[in-house]
Amino acid sequence: MAKIALYSAPHCPYCKMAKRYLASHGIAFTEHDVASDENAFRAMEEASHQRGVPVIVIDREVFVGFDREALARKLGIR
């Protein structure tokens, strides 16, 4: 099973879409709220070299933004 981290913020509509997408396919993930957790923000920035959300890390592969097709390919979702 892939280890998935989702870096998000409460105000982000794309973060909400990513969470719904993963949950709708029964995919477990760990959510990190970068708006309230400075350590999570730093970890996201280090992994992605980005400051915007969402950032999704799947087994060390980084996806910036909500890219449904890229996530589906990586996770084998049809």
N, C-alpha and C. Protein backbone atom coordinates (compact mmCIF):
# COMPACT_ATOMS: atom_id res chain seq x y z
N MET A 1 0.84 -1.18 0.00
CA MET A 1 0.00 0.00 0.00
C MET A 1 0.88 1.24 0.00
N ALA A 2 0.55 2.17 -0.83
CA ALA A 2 1.32 3.41 -0.94
C ALA A 2 1.14 4.26 0.31
N LYS A 3 2.21 4.94 0.70
CA LYS A 3 2.14 5.90 1.79
C LYS A 3 1.83 7.25 1.16
N ILE A 4 0.70 7.86 1.58
CA ILE A 4 0.23 9.09 0.95
C ILE A 4 0.09 10.18 2.01
N ALA A 5 0.71 11.32 1.72
CA ALA A 5 0.57 12.51 2.57
C ALA A 5 -0.07 13.60 1.73
N LEU A 6 -1.09 14.23 2.28
CA LEU A 6 -1.78 15.32 1.60
C LEU A 6 -1.58 16.58 2.44
N TYR A 7 -0.87 17.54 1.88
CA TYR A 7 -0.64 18.82 2.53
C TYR A 7 -1.72 19.77 2.03
N SER A 8 -2.48 20.34 2.96
CA SER A 8 -3.65 21.12 2.57
C SER A 8 -3.86 22.29 3.51
N ALA A 9 -4.86 23.09 3.18
CA ALA A 9 -5.30 24.21 4.02
C ALA A 9 -6.82 24.24 3.98
N PRO A 10 -7.45 24.64 5.07
CA PRO A 10 -8.91 24.61 5.14
C PRO A 10 -9.62 25.44 4.07
N HIS A 11 -9.03 26.51 3.62
CA HIS A 11 -9.68 27.41 2.66
C HIS A 11 -9.52 26.97 1.20
N CYS A 12 -8.79 25.89 0.96
CA CYS A 12 -8.40 25.49 -0.39
C CYS A 12 -9.43 24.55 -1.03
N PRO A 13 -10.12 25.00 -2.10
CA PRO A 13 -11.11 24.13 -2.74
C PRO A 13 -10.48 22.93 -3.44
N TYR A 14 -9.26 23.08 -3.97
CA TYR A 14 -8.60 21.95 -4.62
C TYR A 14 -8.16 20.90 -3.61
N CYS A 15 -7.85 21.33 -2.42
CA CYS A 15 -7.52 20.39 -1.34
C CYS A 15 -8.75 19.54 -1.01
N LYS A 16 -9.89 20.20 -0.93
CA LYS A 16 -11.15 19.48 -0.64
C LYS A 16 -11.46 18.49 -1.75
N MET A 17 -11.23 18.89 -2.99
CA MET A 17 -11.46 17.99 -4.12
C MET A 17 -10.53 16.79 -4.05
N ALA A 18 -9.27 17.01 -3.72
CA ALA A 18 -8.29 15.92 -3.61
C ALA A 18 -8.69 14.95 -2.50
N LYS A 19 -9.11 15.49 -1.36
CA LYS A 19 -9.53 14.62 -0.24
C LYS A 19 -10.74 13.78 -0.64
N ARG A 20 -11.73 14.42 -1.28
CA ARG A 20 -12.93 13.67 -1.71
C ARG A 20 -12.57 12.59 -2.73
N TYR A 21 -11.68 12.93 -3.65
CA TYR A 21 -11.27 11.98 -4.69
C TYR A 21 -10.60 10.75 -4.06
N LEU A 22 -9.64 10.97 -3.20
CA LEU A 22 -8.94 9.85 -2.57
C LEU A 22 -9.91 9.03 -1.73
N ALA A 23 -10.73 9.70 -0.93
CA ALA A 23 -11.68 8.98 -0.07
C ALA A 23 -12.69 8.20 -0.89
N SER A 24 -13.14 8.75 -2.01
CA SER A 24 -14.14 8.06 -2.83
C SER A 24 -13.60 6.77 -3.44
N HIS A 25 -12.28 6.66 -3.51
CA HIS A 25 -11.67 5.45 -4.02
C HIS A 25 -11.11 4.57 -2.90
N GLY A 26 -11.45 4.91 -1.68
CA GLY A 26 -11.03 4.11 -0.52
C GLY A 26 -9.54 4.16 -0.26
N ILE A 27 -8.91 5.25 -0.65
CA ILE A 27 -7.46 5.37 -0.51
C ILE A 27 -7.15 6.12 0.78
N ALA A 28 -6.39 5.47 1.65
CA ALA A 28 -6.01 6.08 2.92
C ALA A 28 -4.89 7.08 2.71
N PHE A 29 -4.97 8.19 3.43
CA PHE A 29 -3.94 9.21 3.35
C PHE A 29 -3.85 9.92 4.69
N THR A 30 -2.72 10.55 4.91
CA THR A 30 -2.52 11.36 6.10
C THR A 30 -2.58 12.81 5.69
N GLU A 31 -3.47 13.56 6.32
CA GLU A 31 -3.61 14.97 5.98
C GLU A 31 -2.79 15.82 6.93
N HIS A 32 -2.12 16.82 6.36
CA HIS A 32 -1.33 17.77 7.13
C HIS A 32 -1.83 19.17 6.81
N ASP A 33 -2.35 19.87 7.81
CA ASP A 33 -2.89 21.22 7.63
C ASP A 33 -1.74 22.22 7.75
N VAL A 34 -1.28 22.73 6.62
CA VAL A 34 -0.13 23.64 6.62
C VAL A 34 -0.50 25.03 7.13
N ALA A 35 -1.80 25.33 7.23
CA ALA A 35 -2.22 26.63 7.74
C ALA A 35 -2.05 26.71 9.25
N SER A 36 -2.14 25.58 9.93
CA SER A 36 -2.05 25.59 11.39
C SER A 36 -0.82 24.87 11.94
N ASP A 37 -0.07 24.22 11.07
CA ASP A 37 1.09 23.43 11.52
C ASP A 37 2.33 23.87 10.75
N GLU A 38 3.16 24.66 11.40
CA GLU A 38 4.36 25.19 10.75
C GLU A 38 5.33 24.08 10.33
N ASN A 39 5.42 23.03 11.12
CA ASN A 39 6.29 21.90 10.74
C ASN A 39 5.80 21.22 9.47
N ALA A 40 4.50 21.09 9.33
CA ALA A 40 3.93 20.51 8.12
C ALA A 40 4.21 21.41 6.92
N PHE A 41 4.10 22.72 7.12
CA PHE A 41 4.38 23.66 6.04
C PHE A 41 5.83 23.51 5.59
N ARG A 42 6.74 23.43 6.54
CA ARG A 42 8.16 23.28 6.19
C ARG A 42 8.43 21.96 5.47
N ALA A 43 7.79 20.89 5.93
CA ALA A 43 7.96 19.58 5.28
C ALA A 43 7.44 19.61 3.85
N MET A 44 6.29 20.28 3.65
CA MET A 44 5.72 20.40 2.31
C MET A 44 6.65 21.19 1.40
N GLU A 45 7.15 22.30 1.92
CA GLU A 45 8.05 23.15 1.15
C GLU A 45 9.34 22.41 0.77
N GLU A 46 9.85 21.63 1.71
CA GLU A 46 11.07 20.86 1.45
C GLU A 46 10.83 19.78 0.39
N ALA A 47 9.70 19.12 0.47
CA ALA A 47 9.39 18.04 -0.47
C ALA A 47 9.10 18.56 -1.87
N SER A 48 8.40 19.70 -1.95
CA SER A 48 7.87 20.14 -3.24
C SER A 48 8.53 21.40 -3.80
N HIS A 49 9.23 22.13 -2.94
CA HIS A 49 9.79 23.44 -3.32
C HIS A 49 8.66 24.39 -3.73
N GLN A 50 7.49 24.17 -3.15
CA GLN A 50 6.31 24.99 -3.43
C GLN A 50 5.74 25.51 -2.12
N ARG A 51 4.97 26.59 -2.22
CA ARG A 51 4.30 27.14 -1.04
C ARG A 51 2.78 27.02 -1.15
N GLY A 52 2.30 26.60 -2.31
CA GLY A 52 0.86 26.47 -2.53
C GLY A 52 0.37 25.06 -2.26
N VAL A 53 -0.91 24.95 -1.98
CA VAL A 53 -1.53 23.65 -1.72
C VAL A 53 -2.58 23.37 -2.78
N PRO A 54 -2.97 22.14 -2.98
CA PRO A 54 -2.50 20.96 -2.28
C PRO A 54 -1.17 20.45 -2.85
N VAL A 55 -0.46 19.76 -1.98
CA VAL A 55 0.71 18.99 -2.38
C VAL A 55 0.44 17.58 -1.88
N ILE A 56 0.57 16.62 -2.78
CA ILE A 56 0.33 15.22 -2.44
C ILE A 56 1.62 14.47 -2.68
N VAL A 57 2.06 13.75 -1.66
CA VAL A 57 3.29 12.96 -1.77
C VAL A 57 2.90 11.50 -1.65
N ILE A 58 3.22 10.75 -2.71
CA ILE A 58 2.92 9.32 -2.74
C ILE A 58 4.24 8.58 -2.88
N ASP A 59 4.62 7.88 -1.81
CA ASP A 59 5.89 7.14 -1.81
C ASP A 59 7.04 8.01 -2.35
N ARG A 60 7.15 9.20 -1.85
CA ARG A 60 8.21 10.16 -2.19
C ARG A 60 8.05 10.85 -3.55
N GLU A 61 7.04 10.50 -4.32
CA GLU A 61 6.76 11.21 -5.57
C GLU A 61 5.80 12.35 -5.26
N VAL A 62 6.15 13.55 -5.72
CA VAL A 62 5.41 14.76 -5.36
C VAL A 62 4.48 15.19 -6.49
N PHE A 63 3.23 15.48 -6.13
CA PHE A 63 2.23 15.99 -7.05
C PHE A 63 1.78 17.35 -6.51
N VAL A 64 1.97 18.39 -7.30
CA VAL A 64 1.59 19.73 -6.89
C VAL A 64 0.26 20.05 -7.55
N GLY A 65 -0.71 20.43 -6.74
CA GLY A 65 -2.06 20.69 -7.24
C GLY A 65 -2.86 19.40 -7.30
N PHE A 66 -4.11 19.53 -7.68
CA PHE A 66 -4.98 18.36 -7.80
C PHE A 66 -5.04 17.96 -9.27
N ASP A 67 -4.26 16.96 -9.62
CA ASP A 67 -4.20 16.45 -10.99
C ASP A 67 -4.79 15.04 -10.97
N ARG A 68 -6.08 14.98 -11.23
CA ARG A 68 -6.83 13.71 -11.15
C ARG A 68 -6.20 12.62 -12.02
N GLU A 69 -5.81 12.95 -13.24
CA GLU A 69 -5.26 11.94 -14.15
C GLU A 69 -3.92 11.41 -13.66
N ALA A 70 -3.05 12.29 -13.19
CA ALA A 70 -1.74 11.85 -12.69
C ALA A 70 -1.90 10.98 -11.45
N LEU A 71 -2.81 11.36 -10.57
CA LEU A 71 -3.06 10.55 -9.37
C LEU A 71 -3.62 9.19 -9.74
N ALA A 72 -4.56 9.16 -10.69
CA ALA A 72 -5.15 7.90 -11.12
C ALA A 72 -4.09 6.97 -11.69
N ARG A 73 -3.19 7.51 -12.51
CA ARG A 73 -2.12 6.68 -13.07
C ARG A 73 -1.23 6.12 -11.96
N LYS A 74 -0.83 6.98 -11.05
CA LYS A 74 0.08 6.56 -9.99
C LYS A 74 -0.57 5.51 -9.09
N LEU A 75 -1.85 5.69 -8.80
CA LEU A 75 -2.55 4.82 -7.85
C LEU A 75 -3.28 3.66 -8.51
N GLY A 76 -3.26 3.59 -9.84
CA GLY A 76 -3.93 2.51 -10.54
C GLY A 76 -5.44 2.60 -10.49
N ILE A 77 -5.96 3.81 -10.45
CA ILE A 77 -7.41 4.03 -10.43
C ILE A 77 -7.91 4.15 -11.85
N ARG A 78 -9.03 3.50 -12.13
CA ARG A 78 -9.62 3.58 -13.49
C ARG A 78 -10.88 4.36 -13.47
